[in-house]
PDB file of N, CA and C in Angstrom:
ATOM      1  N   UNK A   1       0.787 -10.311  12.231  1.00  0.00           N
ATOM      2  CA  UNK A   1       0.548  -9.549  11.022  1.00  0.00           C
ATOM      3  C   UNK A   1       1.249  -8.136  11.402  1.00  0.00           C
ATOM      4  N   UNK A   2       1.651  -7.722  10.059  1.00  0.00           N
ATOM      5  CA  UNK A   2       2.240  -6.203  10.037  1.00  0.00           C
ATOM      6  C   UNK A   2       1.271  -5.559   9.121  1.00  0.00           C
ATOM      7  N   UNK A   3       0.924  -4.393   9.486  1.00  0.00           N
ATOM      8  CA  UNK A   3       0.049  -3.405   8.638  1.00  0.00           C
ATOM      9  C   UNK A   3       0.860  -2.068   8.434  1.00  0.00           C
ATOM     10  N   UNK A   4       1.091  -1.663   7.122  1.00  0.00           N
ATOM     11  CA  UNK A   4       1.570  -0.422   6.793  1.00  0.00           C
ATOM     12  C   UNK A   4       0.306   0.463   6.352  1.00  0.00           C
ATOM     13  N   UNK A   5       0.571   1.593   6.834  1.00  0.00           N
ATOM     14  CA  UNK A   5      -0.488   2.720   6.519  1.00  0.00           C
ATOM     15  C   UNK A   5       0.348   3.744   5.884  1.00  0.00           C
ATOM     16  N   UNK A   6       0.101   3.979   4.472  1.00  0.00           N
ATOM     17  CA  UNK A   6       0.711   5.002   3.621  1.00  0.00           C
ATOM     18  C   UNK A   6      -0.274   6.085   3.519  1.00  0.00           C
ATOM     19  N   UNK A   7       0.146   7.447   3.678  1.00  0.00           N
ATOM     20  CA  UNK A   7      -0.632   8.532   3.409  1.00  0.00           C
ATOM     21  C   UNK A   7       0.135   9.340   2.623  1.00  0.00           C
ATOM     22  N   UNK A   8      -0.557   9.847   1.499  1.00  0.00           N
ATOM     23  CA  UNK A   8       0.257  10.727   0.468  1.00  0.00           C
ATOM     24  C   UNK A   8      -0.784  11.552  -0.304  1.00  0.00           C
ATOM     25  N   UNK A   9      -0.013  12.371  -1.028  1.00  0.00           N
ATOM     26  CA  UNK A   9      -0.675  13.424  -1.925  1.00  0.00           C
ATOM     27  C   UNK A   9       0.099  13.372  -3.284  1.00  0.00           C
ATOM     28  N   UNK A  10      -0.491  13.370  -4.414  1.00  0.00           N
ATOM     29  CA  UNK A  10       0.278  13.373  -5.564  1.00  0.00           C
ATOM     30  C   UNK A  10       0.729  14.677  -6.197  1.00  0.00           C
ATOM     31  N   UNK A  11       1.719  14.708  -6.730  1.00  0.00           N
ATOM     32  CA  UNK A  11       2.076  16.092  -7.373  1.00  0.00           C
ATOM     33  C   UNK A  11       1.202  16.484  -8.465  1.00  0.00           C
ATOM     34  N   UNK A  12       1.189  17.674  -8.942  1.00  0.00           N
ATOM     35  CA  UNK A  12       0.435  18.030  -9.991  1.00  0.00           C
ATOM     36  C   UNK A  12       0.737  17.396 -11.169  1.00  0.00           C
ATOM     37  N   UNK A  13       0.080  16.944 -11.941  1.00  0.00           N
ATOM     38  CA  UNK A  13       0.219  16.406 -13.372  1.00  0.00           C
ATOM     39  C   UNK A  13       0.967  15.138 -13.681  1.00  0.00           C
ATOM     40  N   UNK A  14       1.013  14.340 -12.463  1.00  0.00           N
ATOM     41  CA  UNK A  14       1.734  13.047 -12.637  1.00  0.00           C
ATOM     42  C   UNK A  14       0.882  11.819 -12.678  1.00  0.00           C
ATOM     43  N   UNK A  15      -0.567  12.070 -12.918  1.00  0.00           N
ATOM     44  CA  UNK A  15      -1.265  10.965 -12.548  1.00  0.00           C
ATOM     45  C   UNK A  15      -1.185   9.806 -13.883  1.00  0.00           C
ATOM     46  N   UNK A  16      -1.052  10.417 -15.180  1.00  0.00           N
ATOM     47  CA  UNK A  16      -0.805   9.454 -16.164  1.00  0.00           C
ATOM     48  C   UNK A  16       0.357   8.617 -16.139  1.00  0.00           C
ATOM     49  N   UNK A  17       1.491   9.218 -15.609  1.00  0.00           N
ATOM     50  CA  UNK A  17       2.671   8.284 -15.353  1.00  0.00           C
ATOM     51  C   UNK A  17       2.463   7.347 -14.038  1.00  0.00           C
ATOM     52  N   UNK A  18       1.885   7.918 -13.111  1.00  0.00           N
ATOM     53  CA  UNK A  18       1.581   7.350 -11.659  1.00  0.00           C
ATOM     54  C   UNK A  18       0.734   6.081 -11.824  1.00  0.00           C
ATOM     55  N   UNK A  19      -0.186   6.168 -12.639  1.00  0.00           N
ATOM     56  CA  UNK A  19      -1.173   5.174 -12.600  1.00  0.00           C
ATOM     57  C   UNK A  19      -0.728   3.917 -13.100  1.00  0.00           C
ATOM     58  N   UNK A  20       0.122   3.637 -14.209  1.00  0.00           N
ATOM     59  CA  UNK A  20       0.602   2.463 -14.649  1.00  0.00           C
ATOM     60  C   UNK A  20       1.847   1.981 -13.677  1.00  0.00           C
ATOM     61  N   UNK A  21       2.544   2.754 -13.077  1.00  0.00           N
ATOM     62  CA  UNK A  21       3.402   2.377 -11.796  1.00  0.00           C
ATOM     63  C   UNK A  21       2.581   1.700 -10.807  1.00  0.00           C
ATOM     64  N   UNK A  22       1.567   2.364 -10.303  1.00  0.00           N
ATOM     65  CA  UNK A  22       0.812   2.046  -9.134  1.00  0.00           C
ATOM     66  C   UNK A  22       0.119   0.580  -9.539  1.00  0.00           C
ATOM     67  N   UNK A  23      -0.317   0.348 -10.621  1.00  0.00           N
ATOM     68  CA  UNK A  23      -0.878  -1.011 -11.231  1.00  0.00           C
ATOM     69  C   UNK A  23       0.235  -2.026 -11.172  1.00  0.00           C
ATOM     70  N   UNK A  24       1.414  -1.600 -11.416  1.00  0.00           N
ATOM     71  CA  UNK A  24       2.534  -2.708 -11.515  1.00  0.00           C
ATOM     72  C   UNK A  24       2.989  -3.003 -10.068  1.00  0.00           C
ATOM     73  N   UNK A  25       2.929  -1.988  -9.154  1.00  0.00           N
ATOM     74  CA  UNK A  25       3.380  -2.171  -7.683  1.00  0.00           C
ATOM     75  C   UNK A  25       2.137  -3.075  -7.220  1.00  0.00           C
ATOM     76  N   UNK A  26       0.908  -2.952  -7.468  1.00  0.00           N
ATOM     77  CA  UNK A  26      -0.004  -3.787  -6.818  1.00  0.00           C
ATOM     78  C   UNK A  26       0.230  -4.967  -7.126  1.00  0.00           C
ATOM     79  N   UNK A  27       0.604  -5.595  -8.508  1.00  0.00           N
ATOM     80  CA  UNK A  27       0.663  -6.889  -8.831  1.00  0.00           C
ATOM     81  C   UNK A  27       1.901  -7.394  -8.304  1.00  0.00           C
ATOM     82  N   UNK A  28       2.995  -6.496  -8.281  1.00  0.00           N
ATOM     83  CA  UNK A  28       4.315  -7.158  -7.609  1.00  0.00           C
ATOM     84  C   UNK A  28       3.998  -7.512  -6.172  1.00  0.00           C
ATOM     85  N   UNK A  29       3.286  -6.425  -5.557  1.00  0.00           N
ATOM     86  CA  UNK A  29       2.995  -6.735  -3.917  1.00  0.00           C
ATOM     87  C   UNK A  29       2.451  -8.151  -3.730  1.00  0.00           C
ATOM     88  N   UNK A  30       1.328  -8.492  -4.482  1.00  0.00           N
ATOM     89  CA  UNK A  30       0.501  -9.539  -4.566  1.00  0.00           C
ATOM     90  C   UNK A  30       1.633 -10.796  -4.679  1.00  0.00           C
ATOM     91  N   UNK A  31       2.783 -10.513  -5.460  1.00  0.00           N
ATOM     92  CA  UNK A  31       3.803 -11.915  -5.589  1.00  0.00           C
ATOM     93  C   UNK A  31       4.671 -12.049  -4.544  1.00  0.00           C
ATOM     94  N   UNK A  32       4.651 -11.149  -3.540  1.00  0.00           N
ATOM     95  CA  UNK A  32       5.670 -11.388  -2.395  1.00  0.00           C
ATOM     96  C   UNK A  32       5.079 -12.474  -1.409  1.00  0.00           C
ATOM     97  N   UNK A  33       5.821 -13.464  -1.260  1.00  0.00           N
ATOM     98  CA  UNK A  33       5.282 -14.570  -0.281  1.00  0.00           C
ATOM     99  C   UNK A  33       5.135 -13.725   1.122  1.00  0.00           C
ATOM    100  N   UNK A  34       4.033 -14.066   1.671  1.00  0.00           N
ATOM    101  CA  UNK A  34       3.529 -13.458   2.985  1.00  0.00           C
ATOM    102  C   UNK A  34       2.518 -12.186   2.811  1.00  0.00           C
ATOM    103  N   UNK A  35       2.331 -11.887   1.614  1.00  0.00           N
ATOM    104  CA  UNK A  35       1.458 -10.652   1.059  1.00  0.00           C
ATOM    105  C   UNK A  35       0.097 -11.118   1.667  1.00  0.00           C
ATOM    106  N   UNK A  36      -0.678 -10.409   2.383  1.00  0.00           N
ATOM    107  CA  UNK A  36      -2.153 -10.770   2.433  1.00  0.00           C
ATOM    108  C   UNK A  36      -3.064  -9.872   1.719  1.00  0.00           C
ATOM    109  N   UNK A  37      -3.034  -8.482   1.868  1.00  0.00           N
ATOM    110  CA  UNK A  37      -3.873  -7.706   1.167  1.00  0.00           C
ATOM    111  C   UNK A  37      -3.391  -6.169   1.190  1.00  0.00           C
ATOM    112  N   UNK A  38      -4.104  -5.396   0.277  1.00  0.00           N
ATOM    113  CA  UNK A  38      -3.819  -4.092   0.355  1.00  0.00           C
ATOM    114  C   UNK A  38      -5.222  -3.432  -0.282  1.00  0.00           C
ATOM    115  N   UNK A  39      -5.464  -2.179   0.204  1.00  0.00           N
ATOM    116  CA  UNK A  39      -6.463  -1.520  -0.338  1.00  0.00           C
ATOM    117  C   UNK A  39      -6.208  -0.022  -0.325  1.00  0.00           C
ATOM    118  N   UNK A  40      -6.522   0.778  -1.426  1.00  0.00           N
ATOM    119  CA  UNK A  40      -6.180   2.195  -1.430  1.00  0.00           C
ATOM    120  C   UNK A  40      -7.645   3.021  -1.421  1.00  0.00           C
ATOM    121  N   UNK A  41      -7.451   4.170  -0.939  1.00  0.00           N
ATOM    122  CA  UNK A  41      -8.606   5.197  -0.747  1.00  0.00           C
ATOM    123  C   UNK A  41      -8.123   6.484  -1.043  1.00  0.00           C
ATOM    124  N   UNK A  42      -8.885   7.461  -1.653  1.00  0.00           N
ATOM    125  CA  UNK A  42      -8.648   8.732  -1.829  1.00  0.00           C
ATOM    126  C   UNK A  42      -9.830   9.559  -1.212  1.00  0.00           C
ATOM    127  N   UNK A  43      -9.368  10.571  -0.437  1.00  0.00           N
ATOM    128  CA  UNK A  43     -10.384  11.391   0.203  1.00  0.00           C
ATOM    129  C   UNK A  43     -10.811  12.548  -0.806  1.00  0.00           C
ATOM    130  N   UNK A  44     -11.912  13.150  -0.174  1.00  0.00           N
ATOM    131  CA  UNK A  44     -12.269  14.442  -0.960  1.00  0.00           C
ATOM    132  C   UNK A  44     -11.206  15.469  -1.336  1.00  0.00           C
ATOM    133  N   UNK A  45     -10.227  15.612  -0.293  1.00  0.00           N
ATOM    134  CA  UNK A  45      -9.258  16.674  -0.312  1.00  0.00           C
ATOM    135  C   UNK A  45      -8.042  16.153  -1.047  1.00  0.00           C
ATOM    136  N   UNK A  46      -8.136  15.000  -1.756  1.00  0.00           N
ATOM    137  CA  UNK A  46      -7.096  14.455  -2.658  1.00  0.00           C
ATOM    138  C   UNK A  46      -5.969  13.641  -1.742  1.00  0.00           C
ATOM    139  N   UNK A  47      -6.122  13.565  -0.401  1.00  0.00           N
ATOM    140  CA  UNK A  47      -5.164  12.778   0.270  1.00  0.00           C
ATOM    141  C   UNK A  47      -5.573  11.288  -0.102  1.00  0.00           C
ATOM    142  N   UNK A  48      -4.301  10.435  -0.087  1.00  0.00           N
ATOM    143  CA  UNK A  48      -4.412   9.156  -0.644  1.00  0.00           C
ATOM    144  C   UNK A  48      -4.067   8.241   0.583  1.00  0.00           C
ATOM    145  N   UNK A  49      -4.734   7.186   1.085  1.00  0.00           N
ATOM    146  CA  UNK A  49      -4.278   6.213   2.029  1.00  0.00           C
ATOM    147  C   UNK A  49      -4.369   4.739   1.427  1.00  0.00           C
ATOM    148  N   UNK A  50      -3.240   4.037   1.684  1.00  0.00           N
ATOM    149  CA  UNK A  50      -3.317   2.764   1.314  1.00  0.00           C
ATOM    150  C   UNK A  50      -2.837   1.893   2.489  1.00  0.00           C
ATOM    151  N   UNK A  51      -3.489   0.936   2.804  1.00  0.00           N
ATOM    152  CA  UNK A  51      -3.234  -0.012   4.040  1.00  0.00           C
ATOM    153  C   UNK A  51      -2.751  -1.235   3.243  1.00  0.00           C
ATOM    154  N   UNK A  52      -1.686  -1.741   3.731  1.00  0.00           N
ATOM    155  CA  UNK A  52      -1.109  -2.890   3.303  1.00  0.00           C
ATOM    156  C   UNK A  52      -0.951  -3.873   4.345  1.00  0.00           C
ATOM    157  N   UNK A  53      -1.067  -5.217   4.302  1.00  0.00           N
ATOM    158  CA  UNK A  53      -0.998  -6.255   5.254  1.00  0.00           C
ATOM    159  C   UNK A  53      -0.099  -7.370   4.750  1.00  0.00           C
ATOM    160  N   UNK A  54       0.954  -7.747   5.599  1.00  0.00           N
ATOM    161  CA  UNK A  54       1.745  -8.856   5.504  1.00  0.00           C
ATOM    162  C   UNK A  54       1.809  -9.668   6.543  1.00  0.00           C
ATOM    163  N   UNK A  55       2.102 -10.926   6.300  1.00  0.00           N
ATOM    164  CA  UNK A  55       2.026 -11.864   7.457  1.00  0.00           C
ATOM    165  C   UNK A  55       3.288 -11.772   8.597  1.00  0.00           C
ATOM    166  N   UNK A  56       4.333 -11.171   8.260  1.00  0.00           N
ATOM    167  CA  UNK A  56       5.372 -11.003   8.838  1.00  0.00           C
ATOM    168  C   UNK A  56       6.137 -10.002   8.659  1.00  0.00           C
ATOM    169  N   UNK A  57       7.246  -9.516   9.535  1.00  0.00           N
ATOM    170  CA  UNK A  57       8.093  -8.471   9.172  1.00  0.00           C
ATOM    171  C   UNK A  57       9.142  -8.879   8.109  1.00  0.00           C
ATOM    172  N   UNK A  58       9.411 -10.208   8.086  1.00  0.00           N
ATOM    173  CA  UNK A  58      10.387 -10.719   6.976  1.00  0.00           C
ATOM    174  C   UNK A  58       9.557 -10.541   5.488  1.00  0.00           C
ATOM    175  N   UNK A  59       8.326 -10.805   5.587  1.00  0.00           N
ATOM    176  CA  UNK A  59       7.675 -10.675   4.270  1.00  0.00           C
ATOM    177  C   UNK A  59       7.716  -9.083   3.963  1.00  0.00           C
ATOM    178  N   UNK A  60       7.328  -8.224   4.969  1.00  0.00           N
ATOM    179  CA  UNK A  60       7.297  -6.868   4.726  1.00  0.00           C
ATOM    180  C   UNK A  60       8.722  -6.429   4.076  1.00  0.00           C
ATOM    181  N   UNK A  61       9.722  -7.130   4.745  1.00  0.00           N
ATOM    182  CA  UNK A  61      11.323  -6.811   4.254  1.00  0.00           C
ATOM    183  C   UNK A  61      11.490  -7.033   2.891  1.00  0.00           C
ATOM    184  N   UNK A  62      10.934  -8.287   2.375  1.00  0.00           N
ATOM    185  CA  UNK A  62      11.132  -8.622   1.109  1.00  0.00           C
ATOM    186  C   UNK A  62      10.350  -7.638   0.093  1.00  0.00           C
ATOM    187  N   UNK A  63       9.409  -7.148   0.367  1.00  0.00           N
ATOM    188  CA  UNK A  63       8.615  -5.993  -0.299  1.00  0.00           C
ATOM    189  C   UNK A  63       9.461  -4.871  -0.314  1.00  0.00           C
ATOM    190  N   UNK A  64      10.117  -4.333   0.698  1.00  0.00           N
ATOM    191  CA  UNK A  64      10.685  -3.160   0.977  1.00  0.00           C
ATOM    192  C   UNK A  64      11.930  -3.280   0.113  1.00  0.00           C
ATOM    193  N   UNK A  65      12.731  -4.467   0.132  1.00  0.00           N
ATOM    194  CA  UNK A  65      14.016  -4.446  -0.656  1.00  0.00           C
ATOM    195  C   UNK A  65      13.957  -4.886  -2.279  1.00  0.00           C
ATOM    196  N   UNK A  66      12.562  -5.199  -2.666  1.00  0.00           N
ATOM    197  CA  UNK A  66      12.516  -5.663  -3.908  1.00  0.00           C
ATOM    198  C   UNK A  66      13.208  -4.649  -5.029  1.00  0.00           C
ATOM    199  N   UNK A  67      13.969  -4.751  -5.768  1.00  0.00           N
ATOM    200  CA  UNK A  67      14.692  -3.875  -6.854  1.00  0.00           C
ATOM    201  C   UNK A  67      13.522  -3.015  -7.562  1.00  0.00           C
ATOM    202  N   UNK A  68      12.588  -3.542  -7.897  1.00  0.00           N
ATOM    203  CA  UNK A  68      11.423  -2.762  -8.763  1.00  0.00           C
ATOM    204  C   UNK A  68      10.668  -1.890  -7.671  1.00  0.00           C
ATOM    205  N   UNK A  69      10.394  -2.306  -6.542  1.00  0.00           N
ATOM    206  CA  UNK A  69       9.829  -1.457  -5.551  1.00  0.00           C
ATOM    207  C   UNK A  69      10.636  -0.437  -5.187  1.00  0.00           C
ATOM    208  N   UNK A  70      11.844  -0.661  -5.155  1.00  0.00           N
ATOM    209  CA  UNK A  70      13.005   0.362  -4.690  1.00  0.00           C
ATOM    210  C   UNK A  70      12.945   1.545  -5.669  1.00  0.00           C
ATOM    211  N   UNK A  71      12.888   1.156  -7.078  1.00  0.00           N
ATOM    212  CA  UNK A  71      12.834   2.250  -8.126  1.00  0.00           C
ATOM    213  C   UNK A  71      11.560   3.004  -8.046  1.00  0.00           C
ATOM    214  N   UNK A  72      10.428   2.421  -7.741  1.00  0.00           N
ATOM    215  CA  UNK A  72       9.179   3.003  -7.671  1.00  0.00           C
ATOM    216  C   UNK A  72       9.177   3.959  -6.433  1.00  0.00           C
ATOM    217  N   UNK A  73       9.721   3.497  -5.418  1.00  0.00           N
ATOM    218  CA  UNK A  73       9.823   4.436  -4.299  1.00  0.00           C
ATOM    219  C   UNK A  73      10.717   5.646  -4.499  1.00  0.00           C
ATOM    220  N   UNK A  74      11.947   5.608  -5.381  1.00  0.00           N
ATOM    221  CA  UNK A  74      12.563   6.674  -5.602  1.00  0.00           C
ATOM    222  C   UNK A  74      11.852   7.521  -6.592  1.00  0.00           C
ATOM    223  N   UNK A  75      11.026   7.210  -7.513  1.00  0.00           N
ATOM    224  CA  UNK A  75      10.340   8.056  -8.355  1.00  0.00           C
ATOM    225  C   UNK A  75       9.242   8.692  -7.522  1.00  0.00           C
ATOM    226  N   UNK A  76       8.781   7.958  -6.632  1.00  0.00           N
ATOM    227  CA  UNK A  76       7.598   8.504  -5.595  1.00  0.00           C
ATOM    228  C   UNK A  76       8.154   9.747  -4.849  1.00  0.00           C
ATOM    229  N   UNK A  77       9.174   9.556  -4.224  1.00  0.00           N
ATOM    230  CA  UNK A  77      10.008  10.735  -3.564  1.00  0.00           C
ATOM    231  C   UNK A  77      10.461  11.721  -4.317  1.00  0.00           C
ATOM    232  N   UNK A  78      10.795  11.579  -5.557  1.00  0.00           N
ATOM    233  CA  UNK A  78      11.608  12.505  -6.403  1.00  0.00           C
ATOM    234  C   UNK A  78      10.381  13.108  -7.598  1.00  0.00           C
ATOM    235  N   UNK A  79       9.436  12.301  -7.750  1.00  0.00           N
ATOM    236  CA  UNK A  79       8.480  12.788  -8.922  1.00  0.00           C
ATOM    237  C   UNK A  79       6.900  12.900  -8.652  1.00  0.00           C
ATOM    238  N   UNK A  80       6.617  11.867  -7.922  1.00  0.00           N
ATOM    239  CA  UNK A  80       4.971  11.395  -7.924  1.00  0.00           C
ATOM    240  C   UNK A  80       4.419  12.289  -6.737  1.00  0.00           C
ATOM    241  N   UNK A  81       4.948  12.247  -5.703  1.00  0.00           N
ATOM    242  CA  UNK A  81       4.521  12.681  -4.360  1.00  0.00           C
ATOM    243  C   UNK A  81       4.705  14.120  -3.929  1.00  0.00           C
ATOM    244  N   UNK A  82       3.735  14.883  -3.658  1.00  0.00           N
ATOM    245  CA  UNK A  82       4.119  16.102  -3.127  1.00  0.00           C
ATOM    246  C   UNK A  82       4.220  15.977  -1.554  1.00  0.00           C
ATOM    247  N   UNK A  83       3.492  14.917  -0.797  1.00  0.00           N
ATOM    248  CA  UNK A  83       3.734  14.547   0.530  1.00  0.00           C
ATOM    249  C   UNK A  83       3.356  13.016   0.508  1.00  0.00           C
ATOM    250  N   UNK A  84       4.382  12.422   1.500  1.00  0.00           N
ATOM    251  CA  UNK A  84       4.137  11.071   1.867  1.00  0.00           C
ATOM    252  C   UNK A  84       4.545  10.798   3.263  1.00  0.00           C
ATOM    253  N   UNK A  85       3.911   9.956   3.953  1.00  0.00           N
ATOM    254  CA  UNK A  85       4.098   9.329   5.171  1.00  0.00           C
ATOM    255  C   UNK A  85       3.903   7.917   5.437  1.00  0.00           C
ATOM    256  N   UNK A  86       4.236   7.232   6.211  1.00  0.00           N
ATOM    257  CA  UNK A  86       3.940   5.980   6.513  1.00  0.00           C
ATOM    258  C   UNK A  86       4.054   5.533   7.909  1.00  0.00           C
ATOM    259  N   UNK A  87       3.282   4.532   8.267  1.00  0.00           N
ATOM    260  CA  UNK A  87       3.362   3.922   9.828  1.00  0.00           C
ATOM    261  C   UNK A  87       3.505   2.447   9.464  1.00  0.00           C
ATOM    262  N   UNK A  88       4.272   1.828  10.173  1.00  0.00           N
ATOM    263  CA  UNK A  88       4.420   0.264  10.221  1.00  0.00           C
ATOM    264  C   UNK A  88       3.968  -0.127  11.470  1.00  0.00           C
ATOM    265  N   UNK A  89       3.049  -0.962  11.621  1.00  0.00           N
ATOM    266  CA  UNK A  89       2.329  -1.374  12.770  1.00  0.00           C
ATOM    267  C   UNK A  89       2.210  -2.897  13.118  1.00  0.00           C
ATOM    268  N   UNK A  90       2.562  -3.272  14.118  1.00  0.00           N
ATOM    269  CA  UNK A  90       2.261  -4.706  14.605  1.00  0.00           C
ATOM    270  C   UNK A  90       0.711  -4.908  15.047  1.00  0.00           C
ATOM    271  N   UNK A  91       0.035  -5.881  14.645  1.00  0.00           N
ATOM    272  CA  UNK A  91      -1.217  -6.214  15.048  1.00  0.00           C
ATOM    273  C   UNK A  91      -1.121  -6.908  16.456  1.00  0.00           C
ATOM    274  N   UNK A  92      -1.817  -6.169  17.273  1.00  0.00           N
ATOM    275  CA  UNK A  92      -1.853  -6.881  18.866  1.00  0.00           C
ATOM    276  C   UNK A  92      -3.014  -7.682  18.922  1.00  0.00           C
ATOM    277  N   UNK A  93      -4.085  -7.266  18.236  1.00  0.00           N
ATOM    278  CA  UNK A  93      -5.314  -8.121  18.381  1.00  0.00           C
ATOM    279  C   UNK A  93      -6.170  -7.740  16.997  1.00  0.00           C
ATOM    280  N   UNK A  94      -6.871  -8.839  16.660  1.00  0.00           N
ATOM    281  CA  UNK A  94      -7.729  -8.603  15.318  1.00  0.00           C
ATOM    282  C   UNK A  94      -8.841  -9.445  15.609  1.00  0.00           C
ATOM    283  N   UNK A  95     -10.059  -8.695  15.235  1.00  0.00           N
ATOM    284  CA  UNK A  95     -11.365  -9.378  15.283  1.00  0.00           C
ATOM    285  C   UNK A  95     -12.115  -8.915  13.969  1.00  0.00           C
ATOM    286  N   UNK A  96     -13.030  -9.691  13.415  1.00  0.00           N
ATOM    287  CA  UNK A  96     -13.826  -9.491  12.485  1.00  0.00           C
ATOM    288  C   UNK A  96     -15.181  -9.922  12.601  1.00  0.00           C
ATOM    289  N   UNK A  97     -16.274  -9.466  11.929  1.00  0.00           N
ATOM    290  CA  UNK A  97     -17.561  -9.930  11.974  1.00  0.00           C
ATOM    291  C   UNK A  97     -18.142  -9.599  10.770  1.00  0.00           C
ATOM    292  N   UNK A  98     -18.936 -10.721  10.240  1.00  0.00           N
ATOM    293  CA  UNK A  98     -19.922 -10.513   9.088  1.00  0.00           C
ATOM    294  C   UNK A  98     -21.269 -10.931   9.186  1.00  0.00           C
ATOM    295  N   UNK A  99     -22.250 -10.167   8.770  1.00  0.00           N
ATOM    296  CA  UNK A  99     -23.614 -10.370   9.177  1.00  0.00           C
ATOM    297  C   UNK A  99     -23.994 -11.611   8.183  1.00  0.00           C
ATOM    298  N   UNK A 100     -24.689 -12.519   8.718  1.00  0.00           N
ATOM    299  CA  UNK A 100     -25.309 -13.779   8.159  1.00  0.00           C
ATOM    300  C   UNK A 100     -26.529 -13.508   7.532  1.00  0.00           C
ATOM    301  N   UNK A 101     -27.198 -12.384   7.735  1.00  0.00           N
ATOM    302  CA  UNK A 101     -28.379 -12.121   7.171  1.00  0.00           C
ATOM    303  C   UNK A 101     -28.500 -11.914   5.504  1.00  0.00           C
ATOM    304  N   UNK A 102     -29.434 -12.521   4.880  1.00  0.00           N
ATOM    305  CA  UNK A 102     -29.486 -12.552   3.597  1.00  0.00           C
ATOM    306  C   UNK A 102     -28.594 -13.331   2.868  1.00  0.00           C
ATOM    307  N   UNK A 103     -27.775 -14.178   3.548  1.00  0.00           N
ATOM    308  CA  UNK A 103     -26.868 -15.322   2.943  1.00  0.00           C
ATOM    309  C   UNK A 103     -27.548 -16.514   2.787  1.00  0.00           C
ATOM    310  N   UNK A 104     -27.316 -17.282   1.804  1.00  0.00           N
ATOM    311  CA  UNK A 104     -27.853 -18.663   1.588  1.00  0.00           C
ATOM    312  C   UNK A 104     -27.197 -19.628   2.430  1.00  0.00           C
TER     313      UNK A 104
END
């Protein structure tokens, strides 16, 4: 699994235009073969963090080079974000646990 962690801050006054683009990119990401999940968070200080999971580097590459995503990235760098950074990580080990308490 490949995990991408994107950290960003929106530029002032772009939220109305950014929101529809972000929703479109959410739907587009889901359509990429090998997509697993993504989730975004906003901290109290305004920093945004998005965690994206793909099955493989090939799937991530398909997302990276999609023409509509390339356009959204260009707008992100030139218009939407005051700062942005990302890390692409290979998952070495993964575990999960869920409580069975209270479940039928």
